[in-house]
């Protein structure tokens, strides 16, 4: 064998060994942990979700940061969605005053659909990750006032 052919074989062998080591490490089923944070058919006020709208499904994930001492406008959501509180304390209420809830970092909120509500913050800002399950062209929220 020539020197360059041996070097090529050596480099390929090392590459295959490294790839195998990485694959074994990343595909080890004992290294993955799955925890259900939320599984529900109802929003946080107990209302049952309706069947999905017809159309091309579209998932939207938003990172929302709400400053301290801020009240969001009254609004509705036309589709099911869930918010994960990354940091801060978020208060939510329905406009009719029948439902109120306080959420902290690590909590998950199954949002209301077609019910007017809002959220507000206290002394610290709130960071949320919100997952929307709608259809193409559907807004994630609709301001009511």
C-alpha atoms as a PDB file:
ATOM      1  CA  UNK A   1       0.000   0.000   0.000  1.00  0.00           C
ATOM      2  CA  UNK A   2       1.171   3.518  -0.636  1.00  0.00           C
ATOM      3  CA  UNK A   3       1.609   6.053   2.148  1.00  0.00           C
ATOM      4  CA  UNK A   4      -1.327   8.216   1.034  1.00  0.00           C
ATOM      5  CA  UNK A   5      -3.648   5.202   0.724  1.00  0.00           C
ATOM      6  CA  UNK A   6      -2.677   4.041   4.265  1.00  0.00           C
ATOM      7  CA  UNK A   7      -3.200   7.544   5.602  1.00  0.00           C
ATOM      8  CA  UNK A   8      -6.625   7.736   3.944  1.00  0.00           C
ATOM      9  CA  UNK A   9      -7.634   4.354   5.417  1.00  0.00           C
ATOM     10  CA  UNK A  10      -6.380   5.437   8.871  1.00  0.00           C
ATOM     11  CA  UNK A  11      -8.279   8.719   8.725  1.00  0.00           C
ATOM     12  CA  UNK A  12     -11.464   6.920   7.587  1.00  0.00           C
ATOM     13  CA  UNK A  13     -11.111   4.338  10.364  1.00  0.00           C
ATOM     14  CA  UNK A  14     -10.633   7.035  13.009  1.00  0.00           C
ATOM     15  CA  UNK A  15     -13.598   8.947  11.617  1.00  0.00           C
ATOM     16  CA  UNK A  16     -15.811   5.853  11.739  1.00  0.00           C
ATOM     17  CA  UNK A  17     -14.739   5.101  15.316  1.00  0.00           C
ATOM     18  CA  UNK A  18     -15.460   8.693  16.373  1.00  0.00           C
ATOM     19  CA  UNK A  19     -18.841   8.671  14.607  1.00  0.00           C
ATOM     20  CA  UNK A  20     -19.728   5.366  16.267  1.00  0.00           C
ATOM     21  CA  UNK A  21     -18.768   6.739  19.688  1.00  0.00           C
ATOM     22  CA  UNK A  22     -20.895   9.864  19.167  1.00  0.00           C
ATOM     23  CA  UNK A  23     -23.826   7.818  17.839  1.00  0.00           C
ATOM     24  CA  UNK A  24     -23.636   5.414  20.770  1.00  0.00           C
ATOM     25  CA  UNK A  25     -23.567   8.349  23.162  1.00  0.00           C
ATOM     26  CA  UNK A  26     -26.469  10.239  21.551  1.00  0.00           C
ATOM     27  CA  UNK A  27     -28.705   7.200  20.993  1.00  0.00           C
ATOM     28  CA  UNK A  28     -28.358   5.753  24.462  1.00  0.00           C
ATOM     29  CA  UNK A  29     -31.980   5.416  25.628  1.00  0.00           C
ATOM     30  CA  UNK A  30     -30.890   5.770  29.238  1.00  0.00           C
ATOM     31  CA  UNK A  31     -29.625   9.306  28.588  1.00  0.00           C
ATOM     32  CA  UNK A  32     -33.014  10.746  27.569  1.00  0.00           C
ATOM     33  CA  UNK A  33     -35.623  11.719  30.154  1.00  0.00           C
ATOM     34  CA  UNK A  34     -39.156  12.651  29.178  1.00  0.00           C
ATOM     35  CA  UNK A  35     -41.504  14.351  31.653  1.00  0.00           C
ATOM     36  CA  UNK A  36     -45.093  15.229  30.759  1.00  0.00           C
ATOM     37  CA  UNK A  37     -45.595  18.841  31.793  1.00  0.00           C
ATOM     38  CA  UNK A  38     -49.197  19.071  30.605  1.00  0.00           C
ATOM     39  CA  UNK A  39     -51.769  16.791  29.010  1.00  0.00           C
ATOM     40  CA  UNK A  40     -55.349  18.012  29.044  1.00  0.00           C
ATOM     41  CA  UNK A  41     -58.554  18.425  27.061  1.00  0.00           C
ATOM     42  CA  UNK A  42     -59.533  21.519  29.086  1.00  0.00           C
ATOM     43  CA  UNK A  43     -58.276  25.070  29.517  1.00  0.00           C
ATOM     44  CA  UNK A  44     -57.219  26.499  32.889  1.00  0.00           C
ATOM     45  CA  UNK A  45     -60.795  27.569  33.675  1.00  0.00           C
ATOM     46  CA  UNK A  46     -62.095  24.018  33.074  1.00  0.00           C
ATOM     47  CA  UNK A  47     -63.718  24.642  29.673  1.00  0.00           C
ATOM     48  CA  UNK A  48     -63.535  21.658  27.305  1.00  0.00           C
ATOM     49  CA  UNK A  49     -61.558  22.289  24.093  1.00  0.00           C
ATOM     50  CA  UNK A  50     -63.570  22.045  20.858  1.00  0.00           C
ATOM     51  CA  UNK A  51     -62.391  20.024  17.819  1.00  0.00           C
ATOM     52  CA  UNK A  52     -59.625  21.623  15.747  1.00  0.00           C
ATOM     53  CA  UNK A  53     -60.421  23.911  12.844  1.00  0.00           C
ATOM     54  CA  UNK A  54     -60.213  22.451   9.360  1.00  0.00           C
ATOM     55  CA  UNK A  55     -57.258  23.527   7.284  1.00  0.00           C
ATOM     56  CA  UNK A  56     -53.512  23.150   7.016  1.00  0.00           C
ATOM     57  CA  UNK A  57     -52.161  22.664  10.568  1.00  0.00           C
ATOM     58  CA  UNK A  58     -49.660  25.277  11.680  1.00  0.00           C
ATOM     59  CA  UNK A  59     -47.713  25.178  14.922  1.00  0.00           C
ATOM     60  CA  UNK A  60     -46.358  28.436  16.310  1.00  0.00           C
ATOM     61  CA  UNK A  61     -43.983  28.734  19.267  1.00  0.00           C
ATOM     62  CA  UNK A  62     -43.422  32.188  20.755  1.00  0.00           C
ATOM     63  CA  UNK A  63     -41.045  33.424  23.422  1.00  0.00           C
ATOM     64  CA  UNK A  64     -42.892  36.246  25.175  1.00  0.00           C
ATOM     65  CA  UNK A  65     -41.303  38.585  27.713  1.00  0.00           C
ATOM     66  CA  UNK A  66     -43.745  40.728  29.702  1.00  0.00           C
ATOM     67  CA  UNK A  67     -42.124  43.606  31.625  1.00  0.00           C
ATOM     68  CA  UNK A  68     -42.692  44.076  35.365  1.00  0.00           C
ATOM     69  CA  UNK A  69     -45.882  45.910  36.387  1.00  0.00           C
ATOM     70  CA  UNK A  70     -47.554  45.267  33.025  1.00  0.00           C
ATOM     71  CA  UNK A  71     -51.142  44.272  32.256  1.00  0.00           C
ATOM     72  CA  UNK A  72     -51.722  42.700  28.854  1.00  0.00           C
ATOM     73  CA  UNK A  73     -54.803  43.844  26.915  1.00  0.00           C
ATOM     74  CA  UNK A  74     -57.989  41.780  27.121  1.00  0.00           C
ATOM     75  CA  UNK A  75     -57.841  39.183  24.361  1.00  0.00           C
ATOM     76  CA  UNK A  76     -58.971  35.766  23.143  1.00  0.00           C
ATOM     77  CA  UNK A  77     -57.229  32.877  21.406  1.00  0.00           C
ATOM     78  CA  UNK A  78     -58.929  31.164  18.463  1.00  0.00           C
ATOM     79  CA  UNK A  79     -56.966  27.932  18.970  1.00  0.00           C
ATOM     80  CA  UNK A  80     -55.685  25.725  21.791  1.00  0.00           C
ATOM     81  CA  UNK A  81     -52.313  26.761  23.160  1.00  0.00           C
ATOM     82  CA  UNK A  82     -50.187  26.199  26.232  1.00  0.00           C
ATOM     83  CA  UNK A  83     -47.773  28.536  27.987  1.00  0.00           C
ATOM     84  CA  UNK A  84     -44.698  27.418  29.933  1.00  0.00           C
ATOM     85  CA  UNK A  85     -43.522  29.962  32.539  1.00  0.00           C
ATOM     86  CA  UNK A  86     -39.732  30.195  32.267  1.00  0.00           C
ATOM     87  CA  UNK A  87     -39.338  32.895  34.915  1.00  0.00           C
ATOM     88  CA  UNK A  88     -41.368  35.295  37.013  1.00  0.00           C
ATOM     89  CA  UNK A  89     -44.927  35.239  38.347  1.00  0.00           C
ATOM     90  CA  UNK A  90     -47.889  35.645  36.018  1.00  0.00           C
ATOM     91  CA  UNK A  91     -51.448  36.343  37.128  1.00  0.00           C
ATOM     92  CA  UNK A  92     -54.282  35.514  34.729  1.00  0.00           C
ATOM     93  CA  UNK A  93     -57.978  36.281  34.916  1.00  0.00           C
ATOM     94  CA  UNK A  94     -61.095  35.967  32.785  1.00  0.00           C
ATOM     95  CA  UNK A  95     -62.900  39.201  31.955  1.00  0.00           C
ATOM     96  CA  UNK A  96     -66.076  37.963  33.631  1.00  0.00           C
ATOM     97  CA  UNK A  97     -64.126  37.630  36.910  1.00  0.00           C
ATOM     98  CA  UNK A  98     -65.059  33.958  37.442  1.00  0.00           C
ATOM     99  CA  UNK A  99     -61.555  32.550  36.846  1.00  0.00           C
ATOM    100  CA  UNK A 100     -58.221  33.678  38.290  1.00  0.00           C
ATOM    101  CA  UNK A 101     -54.904  31.892  38.602  1.00  0.00           C
ATOM    102  CA  UNK A 102     -51.302  32.678  39.591  1.00  0.00           C
ATOM    103  CA  UNK A 103     -48.431  30.916  37.857  1.00  0.00           C
ATOM    104  CA  UNK A 104     -44.761  30.669  38.762  1.00  0.00           C
ATOM    105  CA  UNK A 105     -41.596  29.539  36.977  1.00  0.00           C
ATOM    106  CA  UNK A 106     -41.990  25.913  35.880  1.00  0.00           C
ATOM    107  CA  UNK A 107     -45.801  26.032  35.684  1.00  0.00           C
ATOM    108  CA  UNK A 108     -47.689  25.211  32.486  1.00  0.00           C
ATOM    109  CA  UNK A 109     -50.970  26.896  31.569  1.00  0.00           C
ATOM    110  CA  UNK A 110     -53.490  25.412  29.119  1.00  0.00           C
ATOM    111  CA  UNK A 111     -54.925  28.620  27.681  1.00  0.00           C
ATOM    112  CA  UNK A 112     -58.573  29.571  27.240  1.00  0.00           C
ATOM    113  CA  UNK A 113     -60.041  29.487  23.730  1.00  0.00           C
ATOM    114  CA  UNK A 114     -62.657  32.074  22.655  1.00  0.00           C
ATOM    115  CA  UNK A 115     -62.910  33.431  26.221  1.00  0.00           C
ATOM    116  CA  UNK A 116     -61.812  36.991  26.993  1.00  0.00           C
ATOM    117  CA  UNK A 117     -58.930  37.084  29.478  1.00  0.00           C
ATOM    118  CA  UNK A 118     -55.631  38.793  30.253  1.00  0.00           C
ATOM    119  CA  UNK A 119     -52.442  38.370  32.223  1.00  0.00           C
ATOM    120  CA  UNK A 120     -50.435  40.752  34.347  1.00  0.00           C
ATOM    121  CA  UNK A 121     -47.095  40.833  36.117  1.00  0.00           C
ATOM    122  CA  UNK A 122     -45.946  42.084  39.493  1.00  0.00           C
ATOM    123  CA  UNK A 123     -42.492  43.198  40.648  1.00  0.00           C
ATOM    124  CA  UNK A 124     -40.545  41.181  38.079  1.00  0.00           C
ATOM    125  CA  UNK A 125     -40.826  40.506  34.360  1.00  0.00           C
ATOM    126  CA  UNK A 126     -42.235  37.201  33.119  1.00  0.00           C
ATOM    127  CA  UNK A 127     -40.753  35.049  30.377  1.00  0.00           C
ATOM    128  CA  UNK A 128     -43.059  32.553  28.648  1.00  0.00           C
ATOM    129  CA  UNK A 129     -42.718  29.977  25.903  1.00  0.00           C
ATOM    130  CA  UNK A 130     -46.140  29.583  24.273  1.00  0.00           C
ATOM    131  CA  UNK A 131     -47.075  26.721  21.922  1.00  0.00           C
ATOM    132  CA  UNK A 132     -50.025  27.406  19.578  1.00  0.00           C
ATOM    133  CA  UNK A 133     -51.790  24.647  17.597  1.00  0.00           C
ATOM    134  CA  UNK A 134     -53.729  26.403  14.849  1.00  0.00           C
ATOM    135  CA  UNK A 135     -54.128  26.452  11.108  1.00  0.00           C
ATOM    136  CA  UNK A 136     -52.305  28.529   8.513  1.00  0.00           C
ATOM    137  CA  UNK A 137     -53.435  32.162   8.531  1.00  0.00           C
ATOM    138  CA  UNK A 138     -55.051  32.009  11.983  1.00  0.00           C
ATOM    139  CA  UNK A 139     -53.900  34.720  14.445  1.00  0.00           C
ATOM    140  CA  UNK A 140     -52.484  33.544  17.772  1.00  0.00           C
ATOM    141  CA  UNK A 141     -54.443  36.177  19.720  1.00  0.00           C
ATOM    142  CA  UNK A 142     -57.232  38.693  19.084  1.00  0.00           C
ATOM    143  CA  UNK A 143     -57.421  41.901  21.152  1.00  0.00           C
ATOM    144  CA  UNK A 144     -60.942  42.656  22.336  1.00  0.00           C
ATOM    145  CA  UNK A 145     -60.444  46.210  23.611  1.00  0.00           C
END
